[in-house]
Protein backbone atom coordinates (compact mmCIF):
# COMPACT_ATOMS: atom_id res chain seq x y z
CA UNK A 1 144.17 89.23 82.43
CA UNK A 2 146.08 92.11 80.82
CA UNK A 3 145.12 95.72 80.12
CA UNK A 4 144.34 94.99 76.46
CA UNK A 5 141.61 92.57 77.52
CA UNK A 6 140.00 95.25 79.68
CA UNK A 7 139.94 98.01 77.03
CA UNK A 8 136.69 96.87 75.28
CA UNK A 9 135.02 96.65 78.69
CA UNK A 10 136.19 100.16 79.61
CA UNK A 11 134.62 101.43 76.39
CA UNK A 12 131.29 99.61 76.92
CA UNK A 13 131.11 100.69 80.55
CA UNK A 14 131.79 104.31 79.65
CA UNK A 15 129.15 104.25 76.91
CA UNK A 16 126.55 103.37 79.53
CA UNK A 17 128.14 105.42 82.31
CA UNK A 18 128.57 108.81 80.63
CA UNK A 19 124.84 109.68 80.43
CA UNK A 20 124.40 108.56 84.06
CA UNK A 21 127.48 110.55 85.09
CA UNK A 22 126.04 113.63 83.41
CA UNK A 23 122.71 112.99 85.15
CA UNK A 24 124.40 112.79 88.56
CA UNK A 25 126.67 115.73 87.71
CA UNK A 26 123.55 117.74 86.93
CA UNK A 27 122.03 116.82 90.29
CA UNK A 28 125.12 117.71 92.28
CA UNK A 29 125.57 120.93 90.29
CA UNK A 30 122.20 122.08 91.59
CA UNK A 31 123.22 121.16 95.14
CA UNK A 32 126.45 123.12 94.66
CA UNK A 33 124.46 126.07 93.28
CA UNK A 34 122.15 125.88 96.32
CA UNK A 35 125.12 125.85 98.66
CA UNK A 36 126.91 128.69 96.88
CA UNK A 37 123.82 130.91 96.75
CA UNK A 38 122.78 130.15 100.33
CA UNK A 39 126.40 130.46 101.50
CA UNK A 40 126.46 134.08 100.41
CA UNK A 41 123.39 134.81 102.55
CA UNK A 42 125.54 134.18 105.64
CA UNK A 43 127.31 131.52 107.69
CA UNK A 44 124.21 130.77 109.81
CA UNK A 45 122.03 130.18 106.73
CA UNK A 46 124.74 128.03 105.14
CA UNK A 47 125.11 125.93 108.30
CA UNK A 48 121.30 125.63 108.56
CA UNK A 49 120.93 124.14 105.07
CA UNK A 50 123.75 121.71 105.88
CA UNK A 51 121.95 120.70 109.08
CA UNK A 52 118.55 120.25 107.38
CA UNK A 53 120.05 118.29 104.49
CA UNK A 54 121.91 115.98 106.89
CA UNK A 55 118.47 114.92 108.20
CA UNK A 56 116.34 114.86 105.04
CA UNK A 57 119.03 112.90 103.22
CA UNK A 58 118.36 109.96 105.55
CA UNK A 59 114.86 109.46 104.15
CA UNK A 60 115.90 110.28 100.60
CA UNK A 61 118.77 107.80 100.51
CA UNK A 62 116.69 105.09 102.19
CA UNK A 63 114.05 105.63 99.49
CA UNK A 64 116.59 105.64 96.67
CA UNK A 65 117.98 102.35 98.01
CA UNK A 66 114.45 100.96 97.92
CA UNK A 67 114.06 101.91 94.24
CA UNK A 68 117.47 100.38 93.42
CA UNK A 69 116.19 96.95 94.41
CA UNK A 70 114.39 96.78 91.07
CA UNK A 71 117.45 97.21 88.83
CA UNK A 72 119.16 93.80 89.22
CA UNK A 73 115.88 91.94 88.61
CA UNK A 74 115.09 94.00 85.51
CA UNK A 75 118.69 93.73 84.28
CA UNK A 76 118.84 89.95 84.68
CA UNK A 77 115.39 89.40 83.11
CA UNK A 78 116.28 91.75 80.25
CA UNK A 79 119.53 89.83 79.71
CA UNK A 80 117.50 86.60 79.45
CA UNK A 81 115.03 88.20 77.01
CA UNK A 82 112.07 87.77 79.40
CA UNK A 83 110.30 91.05 78.52
CA UNK A 84 106.97 90.05 80.08
CA UNK A 85 108.62 89.71 83.48
CA UNK A 86 110.35 93.07 82.92
CA UNK A 87 106.96 94.72 82.36
CA UNK A 88 105.42 93.07 85.41
CA UNK A 89 108.41 94.10 87.54
CA UNK A 90 107.81 97.69 86.43
CA UNK A 91 104.13 97.56 87.40
CA UNK A 92 104.76 96.13 90.84
CA UNK A 93 107.67 98.48 91.55
CA UNK A 94 105.57 101.55 90.73
CA UNK A 95 103.02 100.54 93.39
CA UNK A 96 105.72 99.71 95.96
CA UNK A 97 107.71 102.91 95.31
CA UNK A 98 104.60 105.10 95.66
CA UNK A 99 103.70 103.52 99.00
CA UNK A 100 107.30 103.78 100.23
CA UNK A 101 107.61 107.45 99.20
CA UNK A 102 104.41 108.49 101.02
CA UNK A 103 105.36 106.53 104.16
CA UNK A 104 108.87 108.02 104.24
CA UNK A 105 107.45 111.54 103.94
CA UNK A 106 105.31 111.00 107.04
CA UNK A 107 108.26 109.50 108.97
CA UNK A 108 110.60 112.38 108.05
CA UNK A 109 107.89 114.87 109.02
CA UNK A 110 107.76 113.34 112.51
CA UNK A 111 111.56 113.51 112.80
CA UNK A 112 111.43 117.29 112.24
CA UNK A 113 109.99 117.72 115.75
CA UNK A 114 113.34 116.59 117.21
CA UNK A 115 115.51 119.14 115.36
CA UNK A 116 115.66 121.36 118.48
CA UNK A 117 117.23 118.52 120.46
CA UNK A 118 120.25 117.82 118.24
CA UNK A 119 122.72 120.22 119.86
CA UNK A 120 122.80 122.82 117.06
CA UNK A 121 122.90 126.63 117.50
CA UNK A 122 119.43 128.21 117.89
CA UNK A 123 119.49 130.28 114.69
CA UNK A 124 120.83 127.33 112.68
CA UNK A 125 117.83 125.29 113.83
CA UNK A 126 115.42 128.14 113.00
CA UNK A 127 116.64 128.56 109.42
CA UNK A 128 117.02 124.78 109.07
CA UNK A 129 113.34 124.23 109.92
CA UNK A 130 112.29 126.78 107.29
CA UNK A 131 114.23 124.87 104.64
CA UNK A 132 113.20 121.42 105.89
CA UNK A 133 109.46 122.19 106.01
CA UNK A 134 109.42 122.77 102.23
CA UNK A 135 112.06 120.35 100.93
CA UNK A 136 110.30 117.50 102.74
CA UNK A 137 107.43 117.54 100.26
CA UNK A 138 109.77 117.00 97.31
CA UNK A 139 110.47 113.45 98.53
CA UNK A 140 107.50 111.83 96.74
CA UNK A 141 108.24 113.19 93.22
CA UNK A 142 111.98 112.60 93.69
CA UNK A 143 111.60 108.94 94.67
CA UNK A 144 109.05 108.20 91.95
CA UNK A 145 111.44 109.74 89.42
CA UNK A 146 114.26 107.57 90.76
CA UNK A 147 112.05 104.49 90.56
CA UNK A 148 111.34 105.04 86.86
CA UNK A 149 115.01 105.84 86.29
CA UNK A 150 116.12 102.59 87.93
CA UNK A 151 113.83 100.68 85.57
CA UNK A 152 115.24 102.60 82.62
CA UNK A 153 118.80 101.79 83.67
CA UNK A 154 117.83 98.14 84.13
CA UNK A 155 116.93 97.88 80.42
CA UNK A 156 120.09 99.81 79.50
CA UNK A 157 118.53 103.19 78.60
CA UNK A 158 120.25 106.07 80.39
CA UNK A 159 120.00 109.09 78.08
CA UNK A 160 116.44 110.29 78.81
CA UNK A 161 117.07 110.64 82.55
CA UNK A 162 120.11 112.71 81.61
CA UNK A 163 118.09 115.05 79.36
CA UNK A 164 115.41 115.52 82.01
CA UNK A 165 117.83 116.08 84.87
CA UNK A 166 119.97 118.64 83.05
CA UNK A 167 116.89 120.59 81.87
CA UNK A 168 115.23 120.56 85.29
CA UNK A 169 118.45 121.57 86.99
CA UNK A 170 118.88 124.61 84.77
CA UNK A 171 115.36 125.62 85.80
CA UNK A 172 116.27 124.94 89.44
CA UNK A 173 119.31 127.23 89.32
CA UNK A 174 117.27 129.99 87.67
CA UNK A 175 114.54 129.63 90.31
CA UNK A 176 117.21 129.75 93.03
CA UNK A 177 118.37 133.12 91.72
CA UNK A 178 114.81 134.43 91.52
CA UNK A 179 113.51 133.11 94.84
CA UNK A 180 116.55 133.29 97.14
CA UNK A 181 117.55 136.85 96.32
CA UNK A 182 114.27 138.20 94.96
CA UNK A 183 113.90 139.17 91.28
CA UNK A 184 111.04 140.00 88.87
CA UNK A 185 109.09 141.65 91.67
CA UNK A 186 109.35 138.64 94.03
CA UNK A 187 110.42 139.34 97.61
CA UNK A 188 113.73 137.67 98.68
CA UNK A 189 112.91 134.34 100.35
CA UNK A 190 116.37 133.21 101.49
CA UNK A 191 116.62 129.54 102.47
CA UNK A 192 112.89 129.07 101.80
CA UNK A 193 113.51 130.09 98.18
CA UNK A 194 116.22 127.44 97.77
CA UNK A 195 113.88 124.73 99.07
CA UNK A 196 110.95 125.89 96.91
CA UNK A 197 113.12 125.91 93.76
CA UNK A 198 114.13 122.29 94.42
CA UNK A 199 110.52 121.28 95.10
CA UNK A 200 109.32 122.72 91.77
CA UNK A 201 112.16 121.17 89.76
CA UNK A 202 111.57 117.69 91.22
CA UNK A 203 107.91 117.75 90.22
CA UNK A 204 108.94 118.85 86.71
CA UNK A 205 111.40 115.92 86.49
CA UNK A 206 108.74 113.35 87.39
CA UNK A 207 106.13 114.79 85.01
CA UNK A 208 108.67 114.92 82.17
CA UNK A 209 109.70 111.29 82.61
CA UNK A 210 106.07 110.12 82.69
CA UNK A 211 105.39 111.97 79.42
CA UNK A 212 108.47 110.44 77.77
CA UNK A 213 107.51 106.99 79.03
CA UNK A 214 104.22 107.12 77.12
CA UNK A 215 105.90 108.54 73.99
CA UNK A 216 108.99 106.33 73.51
CA UNK A 217 108.38 102.84 72.12
CA UNK A 218 111.30 101.28 74.05
CA UNK A 219 109.41 102.15 77.24
CA UNK A 220 105.82 101.96 76.04
CA UNK A 221 106.12 98.34 74.89
CA UNK A 222 106.40 97.19 78.50
CA UNK A 223 103.07 98.77 79.46
CA UNK A 224 101.19 96.09 77.49
CA UNK A 225 102.26 93.56 80.11
CA UNK A 226 100.48 95.47 82.89
CA UNK A 227 97.68 93.36 84.35
CA UNK A 228 95.31 93.02 87.29
CA UNK A 229 95.78 92.75 90.20
CA UNK A 230 98.27 95.61 90.53
CA UNK A 231 100.38 93.56 92.95
CA UNK A 232 101.72 90.09 92.23
CA UNK A 233 103.04 88.59 95.48
CA UNK A 234 105.82 86.49 93.94
CA UNK A 235 107.30 89.55 92.17
CA UNK A 236 106.81 91.77 95.21
CA UNK A 237 108.77 89.26 97.32
CA UNK A 238 111.58 89.21 94.74
CA UNK A 239 111.78 93.01 94.69
CA UNK A 240 111.59 93.35 98.47
CA UNK A 241 114.38 90.78 98.95
CA UNK A 242 116.75 93.27 97.35
CA UNK A 243 114.97 96.60 98.02
CA UNK A 244 114.79 96.31 101.82
CA UNK A 245 118.45 95.31 102.41
CA UNK A 246 119.58 97.95 99.89
CA UNK A 247 117.50 100.59 101.70
CA UNK A 248 119.11 99.73 105.01
CA UNK A 249 122.56 99.43 103.45
CA UNK A 250 122.21 102.95 102.04
CA UNK A 251 120.82 104.13 105.36
CA UNK A 252 123.78 102.74 107.28
CA UNK A 253 126.24 104.69 105.13
CA UNK A 254 124.31 107.94 105.02
CA UNK A 255 123.54 107.74 108.76
CA UNK A 256 127.27 107.67 109.40
CA UNK A 257 127.72 110.81 107.30
CA UNK A 258 124.68 112.56 108.82
CA UNK A 259 125.68 111.75 112.39
CA UNK A 260 129.18 112.91 111.53
CA UNK A 261 127.70 116.24 110.38
CA UNK A 262 125.84 116.53 113.69
CA UNK A 263 129.07 115.80 115.62
CA UNK A 264 130.81 118.49 113.57
CA UNK A 265 127.95 120.88 114.45
CA UNK A 266 128.72 120.44 118.17
CA UNK A 267 131.81 122.58 117.49
CA UNK A 268 129.74 125.51 116.18
CA UNK A 269 128.52 127.02 112.93
CA UNK A 270 132.01 127.60 111.51
CA UNK A 271 132.83 123.88 111.73
CA UNK A 272 129.46 122.94 110.23
CA UNK A 273 129.79 125.41 107.35
CA UNK A 274 133.34 124.16 106.65
CA UNK A 275 132.05 120.60 106.68
CA UNK A 276 129.41 121.58 104.13
CA UNK A 277 132.04 123.02 101.77
CA UNK A 278 134.18 119.87 101.86
CA UNK A 279 131.17 117.56 101.72
CA UNK A 280 129.75 119.45 98.72
CA UNK A 281 132.94 118.80 96.76
CA UNK A 282 133.13 115.18 97.92
CA UNK A 283 129.52 114.71 96.81
CA UNK A 284 130.45 116.05 93.38
CA UNK A 285 133.13 113.41 92.77
CA UNK A 286 130.93 110.76 94.40
CA UNK A 287 128.08 111.55 91.98
CA UNK A 288 130.40 111.23 88.99
CA UNK A 289 131.63 107.85 90.20
CA UNK A 290 128.01 106.87 90.88
CA UNK A 291 127.52 106.98 87.11
CA UNK A 292 130.24 104.36 86.71
CA UNK A 293 128.58 102.37 89.49
CA UNK A 294 125.24 102.46 87.66
CA UNK A 295 126.99 101.22 84.53
CA UNK A 296 128.52 98.41 86.59
CA UNK A 297 125.09 97.34 87.84
CA UNK A 298 123.70 97.36 84.28
CA UNK A 299 126.62 95.61 82.60
CA UNK A 300 127.19 93.02 85.36
CA UNK A 301 123.48 92.16 85.66
CA UNK A 302 123.13 91.77 81.88
CA UNK A 303 126.20 89.51 81.65
CA UNK A 304 124.90 87.54 84.62
CA UNK A 305 121.57 87.14 82.81
CA UNK A 306 123.39 85.93 79.68
CA UNK A 307 125.32 83.41 81.81
CA UNK A 308 128.69 84.85 80.72
CA UNK A 309 130.30 84.96 84.16
CA UNK A 310 133.83 85.67 82.97
CA UNK A 311 132.71 88.79 81.09
CA UNK A 312 130.60 89.68 84.12
CA UNK A 313 133.71 89.67 86.33
CA UNK A 314 135.79 91.70 83.85
CA UNK A 315 132.97 94.26 83.44
CA UNK A 316 132.84 94.64 87.22
CA UNK A 317 136.56 95.16 87.68
CA UNK A 318 136.66 97.51 84.68
CA UNK A 319 134.08 99.66 86.48
CA UNK A 320 136.19 99.59 89.65
CA UNK A 321 139.27 100.74 87.71
CA UNK A 322 137.35 103.59 86.03
CA UNK A 323 135.77 104.74 89.28
CA UNK A 324 139.10 104.82 91.14
CA UNK A 325 140.78 106.72 88.28
CA UNK A 326 137.99 109.29 88.10
CA UNK A 327 137.82 109.99 91.83
CA UNK A 328 141.60 110.07 92.18
CA UNK A 329 141.72 112.91 89.65
CA UNK A 330 139.11 114.76 91.69
CA UNK A 331 141.13 114.16 94.84
CA UNK A 332 144.26 115.66 93.26
CA UNK A 333 142.21 118.71 92.24
CA UNK A 334 140.91 119.12 95.81
CA UNK A 335 144.46 119.20 97.17
CA UNK A 336 145.79 121.57 94.50
CA UNK A 337 142.87 124.01 94.79
CA UNK A 338 142.07 123.53 98.51
CA UNK A 339 142.55 127.23 99.24
CA UNK A 340 140.58 128.43 96.22
CA UNK A 341 137.51 126.14 96.38
CA UNK A 342 136.13 127.54 99.67
CA UNK A 343 136.12 131.04 98.12
CA UNK A 344 133.26 129.88 95.87
CA UNK A 345 131.05 129.20 98.89
CA UNK A 346 131.83 131.83 101.50
CA UNK A 347 133.77 134.98 102.42
CA UNK A 348 134.22 133.87 106.04
CA UNK A 349 137.98 133.51 106.64
CA UNK A 350 137.59 130.99 109.48
CA UNK A 351 135.31 128.76 107.36
CA UNK A 352 137.68 128.94 104.39
CA UNK A 353 140.70 127.97 106.51
CA UNK A 354 139.07 124.92 108.09
CA UNK A 355 137.42 123.84 104.83
CA UNK A 356 140.82 123.78 103.11
CA UNK A 357 142.09 121.29 105.70
CA UNK A 358 138.99 119.11 105.34
CA UNK A 359 139.43 119.07 101.56
CA UNK A 360 142.84 117.41 102.03
CA UNK A 361 141.24 114.59 104.03
CA UNK A 362 138.44 114.38 101.45
CA UNK A 363 141.05 113.95 98.73
CA UNK A 364 142.60 111.04 100.62
CA UNK A 365 139.38 109.04 100.90
CA UNK A 366 138.47 109.38 97.19
CA UNK A 367 140.14 106.07 96.29
CA UNK A 368 138.39 104.17 99.09
CA UNK A 369 135.04 105.79 98.31
CA UNK A 370 135.41 104.89 94.63
CA UNK A 371 136.27 101.28 95.43
CA UNK A 372 133.44 100.69 97.90
CA UNK A 373 130.91 102.37 95.61
CA UNK A 374 131.76 100.38 92.47
CA UNK A 375 132.14 97.06 94.31
CA UNK A 376 128.77 97.57 95.96
CA UNK A 377 127.21 98.32 92.54
CA UNK A 378 128.61 95.02 91.22
CA UNK A 379 127.24 93.10 94.20
CA UNK A 380 123.85 94.78 93.69
CA UNK A 381 123.84 93.48 90.10
CA UNK A 382 124.18 89.95 91.49
CA UNK A 383 121.32 90.65 93.94
CA UNK A 384 123.84 90.04 96.74
CA UNK A 385 122.53 92.45 99.37
CA UNK A 386 122.43 90.79 102.81
CA UNK A 387 126.15 90.24 103.38
CA UNK A 388 127.05 93.74 102.08
CA UNK A 389 124.56 95.14 104.61
CA UNK A 390 126.44 93.39 107.42
CA UNK A 391 129.79 94.62 106.03
CA UNK A 392 128.40 98.17 105.93
CA UNK A 393 127.34 97.98 109.57
CA UNK A 394 130.87 96.88 110.52
CA UNK A 395 132.54 99.63 108.45
CA UNK A 396 130.35 102.57 109.40
CA UNK A 397 128.90 101.80 112.83
CA UNK A 398 131.86 99.92 114.37
CA UNK A 399 134.69 101.86 112.70
CA UNK A 400 133.60 105.21 111.23
CA UNK A 401 131.37 106.65 113.97
CA UNK A 402 133.29 105.47 117.06
CA UNK A 403 136.60 106.69 115.65
CA UNK A 404 135.00 109.95 114.50
CA UNK A 405 133.69 110.55 118.03
CA UNK A 406 137.01 109.52 119.59
CA UNK A 407 139.11 111.81 117.40
CA UNK A 408 136.62 114.67 117.08
CA UNK A 409 135.19 114.90 120.61
CA UNK A 410 137.35 112.93 123.07
CA UNK A 411 140.70 113.95 121.54
CA UNK A 412 139.25 117.41 120.75
CA UNK A 413 140.33 117.41 117.10
CA UNK A 414 136.95 118.85 116.07
CA UNK A 415 135.81 118.56 112.47
CA UNK A 416 139.18 117.17 111.36
CA UNK A 417 138.86 114.28 113.81
CA UNK A 418 135.34 113.46 112.60
CA UNK A 419 136.61 113.38 109.02
CA UNK A 420 139.42 111.00 110.00
CA UNK A 421 136.67 108.65 111.20
CA UNK A 422 134.93 108.95 107.82
CA UNK A 423 138.22 108.17 106.05
CA UNK A 424 138.83 104.99 108.06
CA UNK A 425 135.21 103.82 107.68
CA UNK A 426 135.43 104.10 103.89
CA UNK A 427 138.77 102.25 103.93
CA UNK A 428 137.20 99.26 105.72
CA UNK A 429 134.15 99.31 103.42
CA UNK A 430 136.35 99.31 100.31
CA UNK A 431 138.43 96.33 101.48
CA UNK A 432 135.40 94.26 102.55
CA UNK A 433 133.26 94.91 99.44
CA UNK A 434 136.22 94.21 97.13
CA UNK A 435 136.82 90.88 98.91
CA UNK A 436 133.13 89.98 98.54
CA UNK A 437 132.86 90.70 94.80
CA UNK A 438 136.14 88.94 94.05
CA UNK A 439 134.96 85.86 95.97
CA UNK A 440 131.46 85.66 94.39
CA UNK A 441 132.60 86.29 90.81
CA UNK A 442 135.28 83.59 91.11
CA UNK A 443 132.74 81.13 92.54
CA UNK A 444 130.36 81.72 89.62
CA UNK A 445 133.11 81.14 87.06
CA UNK A 446 134.28 77.94 88.80
CA UNK A 447 130.72 76.58 89.11
CA UNK A 448 130.13 77.20 85.38
CA UNK A 449 133.23 75.18 84.40
CA UNK A 450 132.47 72.18 86.63
């Protein structure tokens, strides 16, 4: 295959990816705004939000993984033209996602009682609990929004989620300014204000998407397939076969990052605040590449549904190329502006110095992060979830965390050592997921030509 053959696939992937990229960019922009505004309250407050988010993200990412289990089934059924099954998948997923969101909220609430036992400075824990106690209750609207969005992406519609996210995020940033610092007669609320702004915006996002769903014909037409009983066991089993492994696969990766944040926190608030600066920028590039990954899941699942396995493979590798190119550009920017970026978040000289060093390591793992992300999205489109889960466990639990602990704690390299562990974990994940997608796509093509 030559570059000319890939060009039409780059164009089609980007057409689907750009709205999703803007959606994710909007989400991470709000997180950056939160971090910037909280960062200027003080190093302790900044470290506290980092600590609280490193815990709450476990439940959120597990829940998002659960909602992602719907997309390959919807995409493949849509590609086959089976719209009745698409509608029934939507109905069953709404029930499952609601139950999962409520259950996760209760579980994450119980985890909050252990925040004092995680080796963090006392004031960091105090502010972190204030933030956590509010942001926790945004989990239900956030996961229900993601569930509807995954369905929308499965049928190839990405623009409405983009409109909603950008609008809600503008409101979120405004509410941050009002509630964190105190404006229009409202007393300054600090970290509580940041959490409350996010809570309000997530409810607005869910309500907006529900309204649009009942207004737009491309969505509304699937509601006619809703039937009693609410749950159909055969469809629930199909969804759970992908949702549960995807949830745990996401959890494995994010646990590695969260535990890495906790290990960084053992070195004090300066290390934790520096980690938050570098991780905020890494999350920005990751969210952009996540848009390309979503396009890969849509395009690969549709081509799989059509039975065009050669185009399926090209669409997947086109997404990998785009993702690597995009995140490499971000990595170059992180190196070039490593001394300027921390200034956006904090005035603390010690935090800025360490964050600049972490940004260099972050820049290095952009290529590996891009590769593992896009390959995993392609495998998700094929509903291949069990083997990738095993490969994730190897990459993050057997490579990333042990090496992060060895370099960061045993060899006393601190935050830099923990980030070296993250870098090596992503390298292993990228190699293993790339091998898996290459193998499966080749097998499908060969089986078709037999």
